[in-house]
Amino acid sequence: MIQQYEEKLSTLIDLMVETASDDELFAGGYLRGHISLSAADCELNGITSVEAMKEAVDTSLTRAQSELTPVDQLIVKTMWQQLQQSAI
């Protein structure tokens, strides 16, 4: 279940590449890393719930906040919310 969700999110990010702004491209690449790592961690720990994976991504993003400016944090957070809504 998690692998399919990760693939769906990656596909959505890939589809944005042709029309995305520089900020959206940055956010997509940044999120892709957090999504992939969170999915791998969930699978490694036997977690199969998509909701648990979403929480893992949220936690990962929260822990990494110091890497980003407040503006970039908002861009990433907004894209993460949009991806979750589109992946339903």
PDB file of N, CA and C in Angstrom:
ATOM      1  N   MET A   1       0.822  -1.190   0.000  1.00  0.00           N
ATOM      2  CA  MET A   1       0.000   0.000   0.000  1.00  0.00           C
ATOM      3  C   MET A   1       0.871   1.261   0.000  1.00  0.00           C
ATOM      4  N   ILE A   2       1.892   1.276   0.848  1.00  0.00           N
ATOM      5  CA  ILE A   2       2.768   2.435   0.940  1.00  0.00           C
ATOM      6  C   ILE A   2       3.536   2.628  -0.364  1.00  0.00           C
ATOM      7  N   GLN A   3       3.996   1.545  -0.956  1.00  0.00           N
ATOM      8  CA  GLN A   3       4.763   1.658  -2.195  1.00  0.00           C
ATOM      9  C   GLN A   3       3.917   2.287  -3.300  1.00  0.00           C
ATOM     10  N   GLN A   4       2.650   1.894  -3.393  1.00  0.00           N
ATOM     11  CA  GLN A   4       1.766   2.465  -4.402  1.00  0.00           C
ATOM     12  C   GLN A   4       1.538   3.951  -4.148  1.00  0.00           C
ATOM     13  N   TYR A   5       1.389   4.313  -2.883  1.00  0.00           N
ATOM     14  CA  TYR A   5       1.174   5.708  -2.530  1.00  0.00           C
ATOM     15  C   TYR A   5       2.425   6.533  -2.860  1.00  0.00           C
ATOM     16  N   GLU A   6       3.579   5.998  -2.529  1.00  0.00           N
ATOM     17  CA  GLU A   6       4.837   6.685  -2.845  1.00  0.00           C
ATOM     18  C   GLU A   6       4.967   6.883  -4.358  1.00  0.00           C
ATOM     19  N   GLU A   7       4.647   5.853  -5.128  1.00  0.00           N
ATOM     20  CA  GLU A   7       4.723   5.946  -6.585  1.00  0.00           C
ATOM     21  C   GLU A   7       3.752   6.990  -7.126  1.00  0.00           C
ATOM     22  N   LYS A   8       2.558   7.046  -6.541  1.00  0.00           N
ATOM     23  CA  LYS A   8       1.557   8.028  -6.970  1.00  0.00           C
ATOM     24  C   LYS A   8       2.062   9.449  -6.697  1.00  0.00           C
ATOM     25  N   LEU A   9       2.637   9.666  -5.522  1.00  0.00           N
ATOM     26  CA  LEU A   9       3.180  10.987  -5.193  1.00  0.00           C
ATOM     27  C   LEU A   9       4.328  11.345  -6.132  1.00  0.00           C
ATOM     28  N   SER A  10       5.204  10.397  -6.405  1.00  0.00           N
ATOM     29  CA  SER A  10       6.337  10.645  -7.315  1.00  0.00           C
ATOM     30  C   SER A  10       5.850  10.985  -8.716  1.00  0.00           C
ATOM     31  N   THR A  11       4.828  10.287  -9.160  1.00  0.00           N
ATOM     32  CA  THR A  11       4.256  10.560 -10.481  1.00  0.00           C
ATOM     33  C   THR A  11       3.677  11.965 -10.535  1.00  0.00           C
ATOM     34  N   LEU A  12       2.971  12.357  -9.481  1.00  0.00           N
ATOM     35  CA  LEU A  12       2.415  13.718  -9.432  1.00  0.00           C
ATOM     36  C   LEU A  12       3.523  14.762  -9.491  1.00  0.00           C
ATOM     37  N   ILE A  13       4.608  14.519  -8.785  1.00  0.00           N
ATOM     38  CA  ILE A  13       5.746  15.441  -8.819  1.00  0.00           C
ATOM     39  C   ILE A  13       6.344  15.482 -10.228  1.00  0.00           C
ATOM     40  N   ASP A  14       6.496  14.321 -10.853  1.00  0.00           N
ATOM     41  CA  ASP A  14       7.046  14.249 -12.213  1.00  0.00           C
ATOM     42  C   ASP A  14       6.176  15.004 -13.210  1.00  0.00           C
ATOM     43  N   LEU A  15       4.873  14.910 -13.059  1.00  0.00           N
ATOM     44  CA  LEU A  15       3.955  15.565 -13.986  1.00  0.00           C
ATOM     45  C   LEU A  15       4.023  17.090 -13.892  1.00  0.00           C
ATOM     46  N   MET A  16       4.464  17.600 -12.766  1.00  0.00           N
ATOM     47  CA  MET A  16       4.552  19.045 -12.581  1.00  0.00           C
ATOM     48  C   MET A  16       5.790  19.650 -13.229  1.00  0.00           C
ATOM     49  N   VAL A  17       6.762  18.846 -13.556  1.00  0.00           N
ATOM     50  CA  VAL A  17       8.062  19.352 -13.983  1.00  0.00           C
ATOM     51  C   VAL A  17       7.957  20.309 -15.176  1.00  0.00           C
ATOM     52  N   GLU A  18       7.133  19.980 -16.141  1.00  0.00           N
ATOM     53  CA  GLU A  18       7.075  20.791 -17.357  1.00  0.00           C
ATOM     54  C   GLU A  18       6.479  22.173 -17.128  1.00  0.00           C
ATOM     55  N   THR A  19       5.599  22.303 -16.154  1.00  0.00           N
ATOM     56  CA  THR A  19       4.907  23.577 -15.956  1.00  0.00           C
ATOM     57  C   THR A  19       5.228  24.238 -14.615  1.00  0.00           C
ATOM     58  N   ALA A  20       6.041  23.610 -13.815  1.00  0.00           N
ATOM     59  CA  ALA A  20       6.306  24.104 -12.459  1.00  0.00           C
ATOM     60  C   ALA A  20       7.216  25.326 -12.454  1.00  0.00           C
ATOM     61  N   SER A  21       6.995  26.165 -11.463  1.00  0.00           N
ATOM     62  CA  SER A  21       7.893  27.295 -11.232  1.00  0.00           C
ATOM     63  C   SER A  21       9.171  26.770 -10.574  1.00  0.00           C
ATOM     64  N   ASP A  22      10.161  27.630 -10.466  1.00  0.00           N
ATOM     65  CA  ASP A  22      11.403  27.229  -9.800  1.00  0.00           C
ATOM     66  C   ASP A  22      11.134  26.808  -8.358  1.00  0.00           C
ATOM     67  N   ASP A  23      10.264  27.540  -7.670  1.00  0.00           N
ATOM     68  CA  ASP A  23       9.920  27.191  -6.291  1.00  0.00           C
ATOM     69  C   ASP A  23       9.245  25.830  -6.211  1.00  0.00           C
ATOM     70  N   GLU A  24       8.358  25.560  -7.149  1.00  0.00           N
ATOM     71  CA  GLU A  24       7.662  24.263  -7.164  1.00  0.00           C
ATOM     72  C   GLU A  24       8.631  23.130  -7.488  1.00  0.00           C
ATOM     73  N   LEU A  25       9.569  23.372  -8.389  1.00  0.00           N
ATOM     74  CA  LEU A  25      10.575  22.344  -8.698  1.00  0.00           C
ATOM     75  C   LEU A  25      11.429  22.045  -7.477  1.00  0.00           C
ATOM     76  N   PHE A  26      11.834  23.093  -6.773  1.00  0.00           N
ATOM     77  CA  PHE A  26      12.599  22.909  -5.545  1.00  0.00           C
ATOM     78  C   PHE A  26      11.794  22.093  -4.531  1.00  0.00           C
ATOM     79  N   ALA A  27      10.547  22.506  -4.293  1.00  0.00           N
ATOM     80  CA  ALA A  27       9.704  21.832  -3.299  1.00  0.00           C
ATOM     81  C   ALA A  27       9.471  20.380  -3.690  1.00  0.00           C
ATOM     82  N   GLY A  28       9.247  20.121  -4.973  1.00  0.00           N
ATOM     83  CA  GLY A  28       9.031  18.750  -5.430  1.00  0.00           C
ATOM     84  C   GLY A  28      10.238  17.863  -5.182  1.00  0.00           C
ATOM     85  N   GLY A  29      11.416  18.376  -5.502  1.00  0.00           N
ATOM     86  CA  GLY A  29      12.638  17.605  -5.259  1.00  0.00           C
ATOM     87  C   GLY A  29      12.890  17.394  -3.777  1.00  0.00           C
ATOM     88  N   TYR A  30      12.658  18.428  -3.002  1.00  0.00           N
ATOM     89  CA  TYR A  30      12.857  18.347  -1.556  1.00  0.00           C
ATOM     90  C   TYR A  30      11.886  17.326  -0.951  1.00  0.00           C
ATOM     91  N   LEU A  31      10.639  17.409  -1.367  1.00  0.00           N
ATOM     92  CA  LEU A  31       9.632  16.475  -0.844  1.00  0.00           C
ATOM     93  C   LEU A  31       9.894  15.038  -1.272  1.00  0.00           C
ATOM     94  N   ARG A  32      10.363  14.870  -2.501  1.00  0.00           N
ATOM     95  CA  ARG A  32      10.625  13.519  -3.008  1.00  0.00           C
ATOM     96  C   ARG A  32      11.575  12.779  -2.059  1.00  0.00           C
ATOM     97  N   GLY A  33      12.603  13.472  -1.583  1.00  0.00           N
ATOM     98  CA  GLY A  33      13.541  12.847  -0.654  1.00  0.00           C
ATOM     99  C   GLY A  33      12.873  12.446   0.649  1.00  0.00           C
ATOM    100  N   HIS A  34      12.079  13.337   1.208  1.00  0.00           N
ATOM    101  CA  HIS A  34      11.388  13.034   2.466  1.00  0.00           C
ATOM    102  C   HIS A  34      10.357  11.917   2.284  1.00  0.00           C
ATOM    103  N   ILE A  35       9.677  11.929   1.164  1.00  0.00           N
ATOM    104  CA  ILE A  35       8.673  10.890   0.880  1.00  0.00           C
ATOM    105  C   ILE A  35       9.350   9.532   0.735  1.00  0.00           C
ATOM    106  N   SER A  36      10.426   9.480  -0.036  1.00  0.00           N
ATOM    107  CA  SER A  36      11.138   8.205  -0.253  1.00  0.00           C
ATOM    108  C   SER A  36      11.706   7.640   1.041  1.00  0.00           C
ATOM    109  N   LEU A  37      12.340   8.502   1.827  1.00  0.00           N
ATOM    110  CA  LEU A  37      12.912   8.033   3.096  1.00  0.00           C
ATOM    111  C   LEU A  37      11.828   7.575   4.069  1.00  0.00           C
ATOM    112  N   SER A  38      10.733   8.303   4.131  1.00  0.00           N
ATOM    113  CA  SER A  38       9.640   7.934   5.039  1.00  0.00           C
ATOM    114  C   SER A  38       9.009   6.615   4.614  1.00  0.00           C
ATOM    115  N   ALA A  39       8.820   6.444   3.311  1.00  0.00           N
ATOM    116  CA  ALA A  39       8.254   5.187   2.813  1.00  0.00           C
ATOM    117  C   ALA A  39       9.189   4.024   3.130  1.00  0.00           C
ATOM    118  N   ALA A  40      10.486   4.213   2.910  1.00  0.00           N
ATOM    119  CA  ALA A  40      11.454   3.149   3.193  1.00  0.00           C
ATOM    120  C   ALA A  40      11.473   2.812   4.682  1.00  0.00           C
ATOM    121  N   ASP A  41      11.433   3.832   5.539  1.00  0.00           N
ATOM    122  CA  ASP A  41      11.411   3.590   6.983  1.00  0.00           C
ATOM    123  C   ASP A  41      10.167   2.816   7.398  1.00  0.00           C
ATOM    124  N   CYS A  42       9.026   3.197   6.828  1.00  0.00           N
ATOM    125  CA  CYS A  42       7.778   2.492   7.162  1.00  0.00           C
ATOM    126  C   CYS A  42       7.858   1.029   6.738  1.00  0.00           C
ATOM    127  N   GLU A  43       8.317   0.793   5.526  1.00  0.00           N
ATOM    128  CA  GLU A  43       8.408  -0.579   5.029  1.00  0.00           C
ATOM    129  C   GLU A  43       9.402  -1.394   5.852  1.00  0.00           C
ATOM    130  N   LEU A  44      10.510  -0.786   6.218  1.00  0.00           N
ATOM    131  CA  LEU A  44      11.520  -1.460   7.031  1.00  0.00           C
ATOM    132  C   LEU A  44      10.956  -1.862   8.389  1.00  0.00           C
ATOM    133  N   ASN A  45      10.064  -1.046   8.922  1.00  0.00           N
ATOM    134  CA  ASN A  45       9.468  -1.313  10.229  1.00  0.00           C
ATOM    135  C   ASN A  45       8.128  -2.037  10.153  1.00  0.00           C
ATOM    136  N   GLY A  46       7.763  -2.517   8.965  1.00  0.00           N
ATOM    137  CA  GLY A  46       6.543  -3.292   8.806  1.00  0.00           C
ATOM    138  C   GLY A  46       5.269  -2.467   8.890  1.00  0.00           C
ATOM    139  N   ILE A  47       5.369  -1.173   8.697  1.00  0.00           N
ATOM    140  CA  ILE A  47       4.202  -0.295   8.741  1.00  0.00           C
ATOM    141  C   ILE A  47       3.611  -0.234   7.343  1.00  0.00           C
ATOM    142  N   THR A  48       2.318  -0.508   7.224  1.00  0.00           N
ATOM    143  CA  THR A  48       1.682  -0.540   5.916  1.00  0.00           C
ATOM    144  C   THR A  48       0.618   0.538   5.733  1.00  0.00           C
ATOM    145  N   SER A  49       0.360   1.300   6.751  1.00  0.00           N
ATOM    146  CA  SER A  49      -0.681   2.318   6.710  1.00  0.00           C
ATOM    147  C   SER A  49      -0.200   3.576   5.983  1.00  0.00           C
ATOM    148  N   VAL A  50      -0.989   4.023   5.015  1.00  0.00           N
ATOM    149  CA  VAL A  50      -0.681   5.252   4.303  1.00  0.00           C
ATOM    150  C   VAL A  50      -0.727   6.432   5.271  1.00  0.00           C
ATOM    151  N   GLU A  51      -1.659   6.403   6.199  1.00  0.00           N
ATOM    152  CA  GLU A  51      -1.751   7.481   7.192  1.00  0.00           C
ATOM    153  C   GLU A  51      -0.477   7.561   8.024  1.00  0.00           C
ATOM    154  N   ALA A  52       0.076   6.417   8.387  1.00  0.00           N
ATOM    155  CA  ALA A  52       1.326   6.398   9.152  1.00  0.00           C
ATOM    156  C   ALA A  52       2.468   6.961   8.317  1.00  0.00           C
ATOM    157  N   MET A  53       2.457   6.679   7.020  1.00  0.00           N
ATOM    158  CA  MET A  53       3.499   7.220   6.150  1.00  0.00           C
ATOM    159  C   MET A  53       3.368   8.739   6.054  1.00  0.00           C
ATOM    160  N   LYS A  54       2.141   9.232   5.930  1.00  0.00           N
ATOM    161  CA  LYS A  54       1.931  10.682   5.888  1.00  0.00           C
ATOM    162  C   LYS A  54       2.465  11.337   7.164  1.00  0.00           C
ATOM    163  N   GLU A  55       2.204  10.705   8.286  1.00  0.00           N
ATOM    164  CA  GLU A  55       2.704  11.220   9.565  1.00  0.00           C
ATOM    165  C   GLU A  55       4.230  11.196   9.598  1.00  0.00           C
ATOM    166  N   ALA A  56       4.816  10.154   9.020  1.00  0.00           N
ATOM    167  CA  ALA A  56       6.278  10.053   8.976  1.00  0.00           C
ATOM    168  C   ALA A  56       6.866  11.180   8.122  1.00  0.00           C
ATOM    169  N   VAL A  57       6.212  11.498   7.013  1.00  0.00           N
ATOM    170  CA  VAL A  57       6.677  12.607   6.174  1.00  0.00           C
ATOM    171  C   VAL A  57       6.538  13.918   6.946  1.00  0.00           C
ATOM    172  N   ASP A  58       5.406  14.114   7.605  1.00  0.00           N
ATOM    173  CA  ASP A  58       5.206  15.326   8.411  1.00  0.00           C
ATOM    174  C   ASP A  58       6.303  15.471   9.467  1.00  0.00           C
ATOM    175  N   THR A  59       6.597  14.373  10.146  1.00  0.00           N
ATOM    176  CA  THR A  59       7.639  14.383  11.177  1.00  0.00           C
ATOM    177  C   THR A  59       8.996  14.704  10.569  1.00  0.00           C
ATOM    178  N   SER A  60       9.288  14.099   9.439  1.00  0.00           N
ATOM    179  CA  SER A  60      10.562  14.332   8.761  1.00  0.00           C
ATOM    180  C   SER A  60      10.693  15.800   8.356  1.00  0.00           C
ATOM    181  N   LEU A  61       9.625  16.368   7.828  1.00  0.00           N
ATOM    182  CA  LEU A  61       9.651  17.775   7.426  1.00  0.00           C
ATOM    183  C   LEU A  61       9.821  18.692   8.634  1.00  0.00           C
ATOM    184  N   THR A  62       9.159  18.354   9.728  1.00  0.00           N
ATOM    185  CA  THR A  62       9.274  19.161  10.945  1.00  0.00           C
ATOM    186  C   THR A  62      10.698  19.141  11.471  1.00  0.00           C
ATOM    187  N   ARG A  63      11.304  17.968  11.468  1.00  0.00           N
ATOM    188  CA  ARG A  63      12.685  17.836  11.960  1.00  0.00           C
ATOM    189  C   ARG A  63      13.684  18.602  11.094  1.00  0.00           C
ATOM    190  N   ALA A  64      13.353  18.760   9.823  1.00  0.00           N
ATOM    191  CA  ALA A  64      14.284  19.398   8.887  1.00  0.00           C
ATOM    192  C   ALA A  64      13.988  20.883   8.673  1.00  0.00           C
ATOM    193  N   GLN A  65      13.096  21.446   9.450  1.00  0.00           N
ATOM    194  CA  GLN A  65      12.700  22.838   9.249  1.00  0.00           C
ATOM    195  C   GLN A  65      13.875  23.800   9.240  1.00  0.00           C
ATOM    196  N   SER A  66      14.880  23.533  10.036  1.00  0.00           N
ATOM    197  CA  SER A  66      16.015  24.455  10.117  1.00  0.00           C
ATOM    198  C   SER A  66      16.810  24.516   8.810  1.00  0.00           C
ATOM    199  N   GLU A  67      16.585  23.556   7.916  1.00  0.00           N
ATOM    200  CA  GLU A  67      17.270  23.556   6.624  1.00  0.00           C
ATOM    201  C   GLU A  67      16.710  24.619   5.676  1.00  0.00           C
ATOM    202  N   LEU A  68      15.489  25.063   5.941  1.00  0.00           N
ATOM    203  CA  LEU A  68      14.778  25.939   5.015  1.00  0.00           C
ATOM    204  C   LEU A  68      14.470  27.301   5.624  1.00  0.00           C
ATOM    205  N   THR A  69      14.375  28.291   4.758  1.00  0.00           N
ATOM    206  CA  THR A  69      13.894  29.599   5.195  1.00  0.00           C
ATOM    207  C   THR A  69      12.395  29.479   5.467  1.00  0.00           C
ATOM    208  N   PRO A  70      11.829  30.404   6.221  1.00  0.00           N
ATOM    209  CA  PRO A  70      10.377  30.355   6.448  1.00  0.00           C
ATOM    210  C   PRO A  70       9.565  30.354   5.153  1.00  0.00           C
ATOM    211  N   VAL A  71      10.017  31.093   4.158  1.00  0.00           N
ATOM    212  CA  VAL A  71       9.298  31.124   2.877  1.00  0.00           C
ATOM    213  C   VAL A  71       9.354  29.752   2.210  1.00  0.00           C
ATOM    214  N   ASP A  72      10.532  29.135   2.190  1.00  0.00           N
ATOM    215  CA  ASP A  72      10.663  27.806   1.592  1.00  0.00           C
ATOM    216  C   ASP A  72       9.861  26.769   2.374  1.00  0.00           C
ATOM    217  N   GLN A  73       9.818  26.904   3.698  1.00  0.00           N
ATOM    218  CA  GLN A  73       9.007  25.993   4.512  1.00  0.00           C
ATOM    219  C   GLN A  73       7.550  26.060   4.075  1.00  0.00           C
ATOM    220  N   LEU A  74       7.054  27.259   3.843  1.00  0.00           N
ATOM    221  CA  LEU A  74       5.667  27.433   3.424  1.00  0.00           C
ATOM    222  C   LEU A  74       5.423  26.827   2.047  1.00  0.00           C
ATOM    223  N   ILE A  75       6.361  27.022   1.140  1.00  0.00           N
ATOM    224  CA  ILE A  75       6.237  26.456  -0.212  1.00  0.00           C
ATOM    225  C   ILE A  75       6.185  24.933  -0.145  1.00  0.00           C
ATOM    226  N   VAL A  76       7.071  24.344   0.638  1.00  0.00           N
ATOM    227  CA  VAL A  76       7.121  22.881   0.772  1.00  0.00           C
ATOM    228  C   VAL A  76       5.850  22.369   1.439  1.00  0.00           C
ATOM    229  N   LYS A  77       5.424  23.020   2.511  1.00  0.00           N
ATOM    230  CA  LYS A  77       4.218  22.600   3.223  1.00  0.00           C
ATOM    231  C   LYS A  77       2.990  22.664   2.315  1.00  0.00           C
ATOM    232  N   THR A  78       2.890  23.735   1.551  1.00  0.00           N
ATOM    233  CA  THR A  78       1.753  23.891   0.636  1.00  0.00           C
ATOM    234  C   THR A  78       1.756  22.795  -0.422  1.00  0.00           C
ATOM    235  N   MET A  79       2.925  22.511  -0.989  1.00  0.00           N
ATOM    236  CA  MET A  79       2.994  21.462  -2.006  1.00  0.00           C
ATOM    237  C   MET A  79       2.677  20.095  -1.400  1.00  0.00           C
ATOM    238  N   TRP A  80       3.148  19.829  -0.193  1.00  0.00           N
ATOM    239  CA  TRP A  80       2.869  18.556   0.466  1.00  0.00           C
ATOM    240  C   TRP A  80       1.353  18.399   0.645  1.00  0.00           C
ATOM    241  N   GLN A  81       0.677  19.437   1.053  1.00  0.00           N
ATOM    242  CA  GLN A  81      -0.780  19.386   1.208  1.00  0.00           C
ATOM    243  C   GLN A  81      -1.463  19.141  -0.133  1.00  0.00           C
ATOM    244  N   GLN A  82      -1.002  19.813  -1.175  1.00  0.00           N
ATOM    245  CA  GLN A  82      -1.577  19.633  -2.506  1.00  0.00           C
ATOM    246  C   GLN A  82      -1.364  18.215  -3.024  1.00  0.00           C
ATOM    247  N   LEU A  83      -0.177  17.681  -2.815  1.00  0.00           N
ATOM    248  CA  LEU A  83       0.110  16.316  -3.251  1.00  0.00           C
ATOM    249  C   LEU A  83      -0.790  15.311  -2.550  1.00  0.00           C
ATOM    250  N   GLN A  84      -0.972  15.490  -1.249  1.00  0.00           N
ATOM    251  CA  GLN A  84      -1.830  14.567  -0.489  1.00  0.00           C
ATOM    252  C   GLN A  84      -3.259  14.606  -1.008  1.00  0.00           C
ATOM    253  N   GLN A  85      -3.745  15.800  -1.324  1.00  0.00           N
ATOM    254  CA  GLN A  85      -5.108  15.929  -1.840  1.00  0.00           C
ATOM    255  C   GLN A  85      -5.231  15.317  -3.238  1.00  0.00           C
ATOM    256  N   SER A  86      -4.219  15.506  -4.057  1.00  0.00           N
ATOM    257  CA  SER A  86      -4.250  14.977  -5.434  1.00  0.00           C
ATOM    258  C   SER A  86      -4.081  13.476  -5.487  1.00  0.00           C
ATOM    259  N   ALA A  87      -3.434  12.907  -4.487  1.00  0.00           N
ATOM    260  CA  ALA A  87      -3.136  11.473  -4.488  1.00  0.00           C
ATOM    261  C   ALA A  87      -4.281  10.621  -3.958  1.00  0.00           C
ATOM    262  N   ILE A  88      -5.357  11.240  -3.584  1.00  0.00           N
ATOM    263  CA  ILE A  88      -6.500  10.490  -3.021  1.00  0.00           C
ATOM    264  C   ILE A  88      -7.104   9.581  -4.063  1.00  0.00           C
TER     265      ILE A  88
END
